[in-house]
């Protein structure tokens, strides 16, 4: 309500527009999460955009995941929606201006078929098409005022 649906949509879905950074005292800051208690709060992100996520995900793909696929291993990636959007952007070479339209339904497996150089040949969701559409619609509604 404070910033409006249009601005929230830009923050949630654009490539390089980050929302306002959290204050270090904000209880939503990662330093208040037990997972990060061993890390200095100064090195934890106070906010990020998809570009930041791509910068974390692409080396993971290049250095860890892709070599295993090249060895013939089947890989299952389970991740937060934004991490998956980053990986899809990276693999499919989605343009920065087009990423705002990319929505990935929660909990629906997305299968990629790759060539021998790991370029995508095809990708599709597993599951009931009606359920996939319902979940896509829910993702599109996120960030809207009720």
N, C-alpha and C. Protein backbone atom coordinates (compact mmCIF):
# COMPACT_ATOMS: atom_id res chain seq x y z
N UNK A 1 0.83 -1.19 0.00
CA UNK A 1 0.00 0.00 0.00
C UNK A 1 0.87 1.25 0.00
N UNK A 2 1.98 1.19 0.70
CA UNK A 2 2.85 2.36 0.84
C UNK A 2 3.43 2.81 -0.50
N UNK A 3 3.86 1.87 -1.34
CA UNK A 3 4.55 2.21 -2.60
C UNK A 3 3.69 2.01 -3.84
N UNK A 4 2.60 1.27 -3.73
CA UNK A 4 1.74 1.00 -4.87
C UNK A 4 2.10 -0.29 -5.58
N UNK A 5 1.07 -0.90 -6.17
CA UNK A 5 1.25 -2.20 -6.84
C UNK A 5 2.25 -2.15 -7.97
N UNK A 6 2.22 -1.08 -8.76
CA UNK A 6 3.12 -1.00 -9.91
C UNK A 6 4.58 -1.01 -9.46
N UNK A 7 4.91 -0.22 -8.44
CA UNK A 7 6.30 -0.18 -7.96
C UNK A 7 6.70 -1.51 -7.34
N UNK A 8 5.82 -2.12 -6.57
CA UNK A 8 6.12 -3.41 -5.96
C UNK A 8 6.36 -4.46 -7.05
N UNK A 9 5.55 -4.42 -8.11
CA UNK A 9 5.74 -5.35 -9.22
C UNK A 9 7.12 -5.15 -9.86
N UNK A 10 7.52 -3.92 -10.03
CA UNK A 10 8.85 -3.64 -10.59
C UNK A 10 9.93 -4.22 -9.69
N UNK A 11 9.82 -3.99 -8.39
CA UNK A 11 10.82 -4.53 -7.47
C UNK A 11 10.84 -6.05 -7.48
N UNK A 12 9.68 -6.67 -7.54
CA UNK A 12 9.60 -8.13 -7.47
C UNK A 12 10.03 -8.83 -8.76
N UNK A 13 9.81 -8.20 -9.89
CA UNK A 13 9.99 -8.91 -11.15
C UNK A 13 11.04 -8.34 -12.11
N UNK A 14 11.48 -7.11 -11.92
CA UNK A 14 12.44 -6.55 -12.86
C UNK A 14 13.82 -7.15 -12.63
N UNK A 15 14.75 -6.80 -13.48
CA UNK A 15 16.09 -7.38 -13.40
C UNK A 15 17.01 -6.61 -12.46
N UNK A 16 17.04 -5.30 -12.59
CA UNK A 16 18.07 -4.56 -11.86
C UNK A 16 17.54 -3.40 -11.03
N UNK A 17 16.30 -3.49 -10.62
CA UNK A 17 15.72 -2.47 -9.73
C UNK A 17 15.46 -3.13 -8.37
N UNK A 18 16.23 -2.71 -7.37
CA UNK A 18 16.10 -3.29 -6.03
C UNK A 18 15.14 -2.47 -5.19
N UNK A 19 14.45 -3.12 -4.27
CA UNK A 19 13.60 -2.38 -3.34
C UNK A 19 14.47 -1.61 -2.35
N UNK A 20 13.86 -0.73 -1.56
CA UNK A 20 14.64 -0.02 -0.53
C UNK A 20 15.32 -1.03 0.39
N UNK A 21 16.54 -0.72 0.79
CA UNK A 21 17.29 -1.63 1.66
C UNK A 21 16.72 -1.61 3.08
N UNK A 22 16.77 -2.78 3.73
CA UNK A 22 16.34 -2.89 5.11
C UNK A 22 17.34 -2.21 6.03
N UNK A 23 16.85 -1.64 7.09
CA UNK A 23 17.73 -1.12 8.14
C UNK A 23 18.31 -2.31 8.89
N UNK A 24 19.51 -2.16 9.43
CA UNK A 24 20.14 -3.26 10.17
C UNK A 24 19.32 -3.68 11.39
N UNK A 25 18.50 -2.79 11.93
CA UNK A 25 17.68 -3.09 13.10
C UNK A 25 16.34 -3.73 12.74
N UNK A 26 16.02 -3.76 11.45
CA UNK A 26 14.74 -4.32 10.99
C UNK A 26 14.72 -5.82 11.26
N UNK A 27 13.66 -6.31 11.90
CA UNK A 27 13.60 -7.74 12.24
C UNK A 27 13.57 -8.65 11.01
N UNK A 28 13.30 -8.08 9.82
CA UNK A 28 13.35 -8.87 8.59
C UNK A 28 14.76 -9.02 8.05
N UNK A 29 15.72 -8.29 8.62
CA UNK A 29 17.12 -8.38 8.17
C UNK A 29 17.63 -9.79 8.45
N UNK A 30 18.42 -10.36 7.54
CA UNK A 30 18.89 -11.74 7.73
C UNK A 30 19.69 -11.98 9.01
N UNK A 31 20.24 -10.95 9.60
CA UNK A 31 21.01 -11.14 10.84
C UNK A 31 20.13 -11.65 11.98
N UNK A 32 18.81 -11.50 11.85
CA UNK A 32 17.88 -12.00 12.87
C UNK A 32 17.46 -13.45 12.61
N UNK A 33 17.93 -14.03 11.51
CA UNK A 33 17.63 -15.42 11.16
C UNK A 33 18.74 -16.31 11.73
N UNK A 34 18.36 -17.33 12.45
CA UNK A 34 19.33 -18.22 13.11
C UNK A 34 20.32 -18.84 12.12
N UNK A 35 19.90 -19.01 10.85
CA UNK A 35 20.81 -19.62 9.85
C UNK A 35 22.08 -18.79 9.66
N UNK A 36 21.98 -17.51 9.94
CA UNK A 36 23.10 -16.61 9.64
C UNK A 36 23.78 -16.08 10.90
N UNK A 37 23.54 -16.70 12.03
CA UNK A 37 24.07 -16.17 13.28
C UNK A 37 25.59 -16.11 13.34
N UNK A 38 26.28 -16.93 12.55
CA UNK A 38 27.75 -16.93 12.55
C UNK A 38 28.35 -15.86 11.63
N UNK A 39 27.51 -15.17 10.89
CA UNK A 39 28.00 -14.17 9.94
C UNK A 39 27.82 -12.76 10.48
N UNK A 40 28.73 -11.89 10.13
CA UNK A 40 28.61 -10.48 10.51
C UNK A 40 27.44 -9.87 9.74
N UNK A 41 26.62 -9.11 10.44
CA UNK A 41 25.45 -8.51 9.79
C UNK A 41 25.86 -7.57 8.66
N UNK A 42 27.04 -7.02 8.72
CA UNK A 42 27.50 -6.08 7.69
C UNK A 42 27.72 -6.75 6.33
N UNK A 43 27.91 -8.07 6.31
CA UNK A 43 28.12 -8.73 5.01
C UNK A 43 26.84 -9.35 4.46
N UNK A 44 25.77 -9.33 5.25
CA UNK A 44 24.50 -9.89 4.80
C UNK A 44 23.75 -8.86 3.95
N UNK A 45 23.08 -9.32 2.89
CA UNK A 45 22.35 -8.37 2.05
C UNK A 45 21.18 -7.74 2.79
N UNK A 46 20.97 -6.47 2.51
CA UNK A 46 19.85 -5.75 3.10
C UNK A 46 18.71 -5.62 2.10
N UNK A 47 18.92 -6.14 0.93
CA UNK A 47 17.94 -6.12 -0.15
C UNK A 47 18.66 -6.52 -1.42
N UNK A 48 17.91 -6.97 -2.40
CA UNK A 48 18.55 -7.34 -3.66
C UNK A 48 17.55 -7.33 -4.79
N UNK A 49 18.09 -7.32 -6.00
CA UNK A 49 17.29 -7.43 -7.20
C UNK A 49 17.68 -8.75 -7.88
N UNK A 50 16.98 -9.08 -8.95
CA UNK A 50 17.25 -10.33 -9.66
C UNK A 50 18.69 -10.38 -10.19
N UNK A 51 19.22 -9.25 -10.58
CA UNK A 51 20.61 -9.21 -11.07
C UNK A 51 21.57 -9.77 -10.02
N UNK A 52 21.36 -9.41 -8.76
CA UNK A 52 22.18 -9.93 -7.67
C UNK A 52 22.04 -11.45 -7.57
N UNK A 53 20.83 -11.93 -7.73
CA UNK A 53 20.58 -13.37 -7.66
C UNK A 53 21.24 -14.09 -8.82
N UNK A 54 21.16 -13.53 -10.02
CA UNK A 54 21.84 -14.13 -11.19
C UNK A 54 23.34 -14.21 -10.92
N UNK A 55 23.90 -13.19 -10.31
CA UNK A 55 25.33 -13.18 -10.02
C UNK A 55 25.74 -14.26 -9.02
N UNK A 56 24.81 -14.72 -8.20
CA UNK A 56 25.08 -15.84 -7.29
C UNK A 56 24.80 -17.19 -7.94
N UNK A 57 23.74 -17.25 -8.76
CA UNK A 57 23.30 -18.52 -9.33
C UNK A 57 24.17 -18.97 -10.51
N UNK A 58 24.58 -18.05 -11.35
CA UNK A 58 25.33 -18.45 -12.56
C UNK A 58 26.66 -19.15 -12.23
N UNK A 59 27.44 -18.70 -11.25
CA UNK A 59 28.65 -19.48 -10.92
C UNK A 59 28.32 -20.85 -10.35
N UNK A 60 27.22 -20.96 -9.62
CA UNK A 60 26.80 -22.25 -9.10
C UNK A 60 26.49 -23.20 -10.27
N UNK A 61 25.80 -22.69 -11.28
CA UNK A 61 25.52 -23.49 -12.47
C UNK A 61 26.82 -23.88 -13.17
N UNK A 62 27.65 -22.90 -13.44
CA UNK A 62 28.88 -23.14 -14.20
C UNK A 62 29.87 -24.05 -13.49
N UNK A 63 30.03 -23.87 -12.18
CA UNK A 63 31.08 -24.57 -11.44
C UNK A 63 30.66 -25.88 -10.80
N UNK A 64 29.37 -26.02 -10.51
CA UNK A 64 28.94 -27.20 -9.77
C UNK A 64 27.92 -28.04 -10.54
N UNK A 65 26.88 -27.40 -11.03
CA UNK A 65 25.78 -28.15 -11.65
C UNK A 65 26.12 -28.63 -13.05
N UNK A 66 26.57 -27.74 -13.92
CA UNK A 66 26.86 -28.10 -15.31
C UNK A 66 27.89 -29.24 -15.43
N UNK A 67 28.98 -29.21 -14.66
CA UNK A 67 29.94 -30.33 -14.76
C UNK A 67 29.31 -31.68 -14.42
N UNK A 68 28.39 -31.69 -13.46
CA UNK A 68 27.74 -32.96 -13.10
C UNK A 68 26.82 -33.44 -14.22
N UNK A 69 26.13 -32.50 -14.86
CA UNK A 69 25.28 -32.88 -15.98
C UNK A 69 26.14 -33.43 -17.12
N UNK A 70 27.28 -32.79 -17.35
CA UNK A 70 28.19 -33.25 -18.42
C UNK A 70 28.69 -34.67 -18.14
N UNK A 71 28.72 -35.06 -16.87
CA UNK A 71 29.11 -36.42 -16.50
C UNK A 71 27.95 -37.41 -16.58
N UNK A 72 26.80 -36.91 -17.02
CA UNK A 72 25.64 -37.78 -17.19
C UNK A 72 24.72 -37.85 -15.98
N UNK A 73 24.99 -37.06 -14.97
CA UNK A 73 24.13 -37.09 -13.79
C UNK A 73 22.85 -36.30 -14.05
N UNK A 74 21.77 -36.78 -13.48
CA UNK A 74 20.49 -36.07 -13.51
C UNK A 74 20.44 -35.19 -12.25
N UNK A 75 20.11 -33.95 -12.41
CA UNK A 75 20.15 -33.00 -11.30
C UNK A 75 18.75 -32.48 -11.02
N UNK A 76 18.40 -32.47 -9.75
CA UNK A 76 17.15 -31.88 -9.29
C UNK A 76 17.52 -30.62 -8.52
N UNK A 77 17.00 -29.49 -8.95
CA UNK A 77 17.26 -28.22 -8.28
C UNK A 77 15.98 -27.79 -7.60
N UNK A 78 16.05 -27.61 -6.31
CA UNK A 78 14.92 -27.14 -5.53
C UNK A 78 15.35 -25.82 -4.92
N UNK A 79 14.62 -24.76 -5.22
CA UNK A 79 15.07 -23.43 -4.80
C UNK A 79 13.90 -22.46 -4.69
N UNK A 80 14.20 -21.32 -4.12
CA UNK A 80 13.27 -20.20 -4.02
C UNK A 80 12.93 -19.73 -5.44
N UNK A 81 11.74 -19.19 -5.60
CA UNK A 81 11.29 -18.73 -6.91
C UNK A 81 12.24 -17.77 -7.60
N UNK A 82 12.83 -16.83 -6.85
CA UNK A 82 13.73 -15.86 -7.47
C UNK A 82 15.01 -16.53 -7.94
N UNK A 83 15.51 -17.51 -7.22
CA UNK A 83 16.69 -18.25 -7.66
C UNK A 83 16.39 -19.02 -8.94
N UNK A 84 15.18 -19.58 -9.01
CA UNK A 84 14.79 -20.30 -10.23
C UNK A 84 14.62 -19.34 -11.40
N UNK A 85 14.05 -18.16 -11.15
CA UNK A 85 13.93 -17.14 -12.21
C UNK A 85 15.31 -16.75 -12.71
N UNK A 86 16.27 -16.63 -11.80
CA UNK A 86 17.64 -16.29 -12.17
C UNK A 86 18.24 -17.38 -13.06
N UNK A 87 18.02 -18.63 -12.68
CA UNK A 87 18.57 -19.74 -13.47
C UNK A 87 17.91 -19.81 -14.84
N UNK A 88 16.60 -19.64 -14.90
CA UNK A 88 15.89 -19.66 -16.19
C UNK A 88 16.38 -18.50 -17.06
N UNK A 89 16.56 -17.33 -16.47
CA UNK A 89 17.08 -16.18 -17.23
C UNK A 89 18.44 -16.51 -17.82
N UNK A 90 19.28 -17.11 -16.99
CA UNK A 90 20.64 -17.45 -17.40
C UNK A 90 20.64 -18.52 -18.51
N UNK A 91 19.89 -19.59 -18.30
CA UNK A 91 19.87 -20.68 -19.28
C UNK A 91 19.22 -20.27 -20.60
N UNK A 92 18.09 -19.58 -20.51
CA UNK A 92 17.33 -19.21 -21.71
C UNK A 92 17.76 -17.86 -22.31
N UNK A 93 18.74 -17.22 -21.65
CA UNK A 93 19.22 -15.92 -22.13
C UNK A 93 18.07 -14.91 -22.30
N UNK A 94 17.21 -14.88 -21.30
CA UNK A 94 16.08 -13.96 -21.30
C UNK A 94 16.62 -12.54 -21.18
N UNK A 95 16.16 -11.66 -22.03
CA UNK A 95 16.60 -10.27 -22.00
C UNK A 95 16.15 -9.60 -20.70
N UNK A 96 16.97 -8.66 -20.23
CA UNK A 96 16.66 -7.96 -18.98
C UNK A 96 15.25 -7.35 -19.03
N UNK A 97 14.90 -6.75 -20.15
CA UNK A 97 13.60 -6.08 -20.27
C UNK A 97 12.43 -7.07 -20.31
N UNK A 98 12.70 -8.32 -20.65
CA UNK A 98 11.63 -9.33 -20.76
C UNK A 98 11.44 -10.15 -19.49
N UNK A 99 12.40 -10.08 -18.57
CA UNK A 99 12.33 -10.93 -17.38
C UNK A 99 11.14 -10.59 -16.50
N UNK A 100 10.67 -9.37 -16.57
CA UNK A 100 9.55 -8.94 -15.73
C UNK A 100 8.29 -9.77 -16.01
N UNK A 101 8.21 -10.37 -17.20
CA UNK A 101 7.05 -11.18 -17.58
C UNK A 101 7.18 -12.65 -17.18
N UNK A 102 8.36 -13.05 -16.71
CA UNK A 102 8.59 -14.46 -16.37
C UNK A 102 8.06 -14.79 -14.99
N UNK A 103 7.13 -15.70 -14.93
CA UNK A 103 6.58 -16.21 -13.68
C UNK A 103 6.75 -17.72 -13.65
N UNK A 104 7.15 -18.24 -12.51
CA UNK A 104 7.34 -19.67 -12.35
C UNK A 104 6.40 -20.14 -11.25
N UNK A 105 5.51 -21.10 -11.56
CA UNK A 105 4.55 -21.56 -10.55
C UNK A 105 5.25 -22.33 -9.43
N UNK A 106 4.84 -22.05 -8.21
CA UNK A 106 5.41 -22.71 -7.04
C UNK A 106 5.06 -24.20 -7.02
N UNK A 107 6.07 -25.02 -6.77
CA UNK A 107 5.85 -26.44 -6.56
C UNK A 107 5.58 -27.27 -7.80
N UNK A 108 5.80 -26.71 -8.98
CA UNK A 108 5.59 -27.46 -10.22
C UNK A 108 6.95 -27.73 -10.87
N UNK A 109 7.35 -28.99 -10.98
CA UNK A 109 8.66 -29.28 -11.57
C UNK A 109 8.79 -28.76 -13.00
N UNK A 110 9.89 -28.09 -13.25
CA UNK A 110 10.21 -27.55 -14.57
C UNK A 110 11.37 -28.37 -15.13
N UNK A 111 11.12 -29.08 -16.21
CA UNK A 111 12.10 -29.97 -16.82
C UNK A 111 12.79 -29.25 -17.98
N UNK A 112 14.11 -29.31 -17.99
CA UNK A 112 14.89 -28.77 -19.11
C UNK A 112 15.52 -29.92 -19.87
N UNK A 113 15.38 -29.90 -21.18
CA UNK A 113 16.11 -30.81 -22.06
C UNK A 113 17.22 -29.98 -22.68
N UNK A 114 18.47 -30.48 -22.56
CA UNK A 114 19.64 -29.73 -22.99
C UNK A 114 20.41 -30.47 -24.08
N UNK A 115 21.10 -29.73 -24.93
CA UNK A 115 21.95 -30.37 -25.92
C UNK A 115 23.30 -30.72 -25.28
N UNK A 116 24.24 -31.23 -26.07
CA UNK A 116 25.51 -31.68 -25.50
C UNK A 116 26.36 -30.53 -24.95
N UNK A 117 26.04 -29.30 -25.35
CA UNK A 117 26.74 -28.13 -24.80
C UNK A 117 25.93 -27.45 -23.70
N UNK A 118 24.88 -28.13 -23.27
CA UNK A 118 23.98 -27.68 -22.20
C UNK A 118 23.15 -26.45 -22.58
N UNK A 119 22.93 -26.28 -23.86
CA UNK A 119 22.01 -25.25 -24.32
C UNK A 119 20.60 -25.83 -24.26
N UNK A 120 19.63 -25.06 -23.79
CA UNK A 120 18.27 -25.59 -23.71
C UNK A 120 17.68 -25.90 -25.09
N UNK A 121 17.13 -27.09 -25.21
CA UNK A 121 16.40 -27.49 -26.41
C UNK A 121 14.90 -27.30 -26.19
N UNK A 122 14.48 -27.58 -24.96
CA UNK A 122 13.06 -27.56 -24.63
C UNK A 122 12.94 -27.49 -23.12
N UNK A 123 11.85 -26.92 -22.64
CA UNK A 123 11.53 -27.02 -21.22
C UNK A 123 10.02 -27.00 -21.05
N UNK A 124 9.57 -27.68 -19.99
CA UNK A 124 8.14 -27.82 -19.76
C UNK A 124 7.91 -28.17 -18.29
N UNK A 125 6.70 -27.88 -17.84
CA UNK A 125 6.31 -28.22 -16.48
C UNK A 125 5.70 -29.61 -16.44
N UNK A 126 5.97 -30.32 -15.36
CA UNK A 126 5.33 -31.60 -15.12
C UNK A 126 4.08 -31.35 -14.28
N UNK A 127 3.01 -31.99 -14.64
CA UNK A 127 1.80 -31.86 -13.85
C UNK A 127 0.59 -31.50 -14.69
N UNK A 128 -0.50 -31.38 -14.00
CA UNK A 128 -1.78 -31.06 -14.62
C UNK A 128 -1.77 -29.62 -15.13
N UNK A 129 -2.11 -29.42 -16.38
CA UNK A 129 -2.05 -28.10 -17.00
C UNK A 129 -2.97 -27.09 -16.32
N UNK A 130 -4.11 -27.54 -15.84
CA UNK A 130 -5.03 -26.63 -15.13
C UNK A 130 -4.41 -26.18 -13.82
N UNK A 131 -3.79 -27.11 -13.10
CA UNK A 131 -3.13 -26.76 -11.83
C UNK A 131 -1.94 -25.83 -12.08
N UNK A 132 -1.21 -26.06 -13.13
CA UNK A 132 -0.08 -25.19 -13.48
C UNK A 132 -0.58 -23.77 -13.72
N UNK A 133 -1.66 -23.63 -14.47
CA UNK A 133 -2.22 -22.31 -14.75
C UNK A 133 -2.72 -21.63 -13.47
N UNK A 134 -3.33 -22.38 -12.57
CA UNK A 134 -3.79 -21.82 -11.30
C UNK A 134 -2.61 -21.28 -10.49
N UNK A 135 -1.54 -22.05 -10.46
CA UNK A 135 -0.37 -21.63 -9.68
C UNK A 135 0.33 -20.44 -10.32
N UNK A 136 0.34 -20.42 -11.65
CA UNK A 136 0.90 -19.25 -12.34
C UNK A 136 0.09 -17.99 -12.02
N UNK A 137 -1.21 -18.14 -11.99
CA UNK A 137 -2.09 -17.01 -11.68
C UNK A 137 -1.82 -16.50 -10.27
N UNK A 138 -1.58 -17.42 -9.32
CA UNK A 138 -1.28 -17.01 -7.94
C UNK A 138 0.03 -16.22 -7.87
N UNK A 139 1.01 -16.65 -8.64
CA UNK A 139 2.31 -15.94 -8.66
C UNK A 139 2.12 -14.55 -9.22
N UNK A 140 1.33 -14.43 -10.28
CA UNK A 140 1.09 -13.13 -10.89
C UNK A 140 0.38 -12.17 -9.95
N UNK A 141 -0.38 -12.71 -9.00
CA UNK A 141 -1.14 -11.89 -8.05
C UNK A 141 -0.30 -11.45 -6.84
N UNK A 142 0.85 -12.06 -6.66
CA UNK A 142 1.67 -11.69 -5.51
C UNK A 142 2.06 -10.22 -5.57
N UNK A 143 2.03 -9.57 -4.43
CA UNK A 143 2.40 -8.18 -4.37
C UNK A 143 1.28 -7.21 -4.63
N UNK A 144 0.08 -7.74 -4.94
CA UNK A 144 -1.06 -6.88 -5.18
C UNK A 144 -1.80 -6.63 -3.87
N UNK A 145 -2.41 -5.46 -3.77
CA UNK A 145 -3.20 -5.14 -2.59
C UNK A 145 -4.47 -5.96 -2.57
N UNK A 146 -4.89 -6.34 -1.40
CA UNK A 146 -6.13 -7.11 -1.25
C UNK A 146 -7.29 -6.19 -0.92
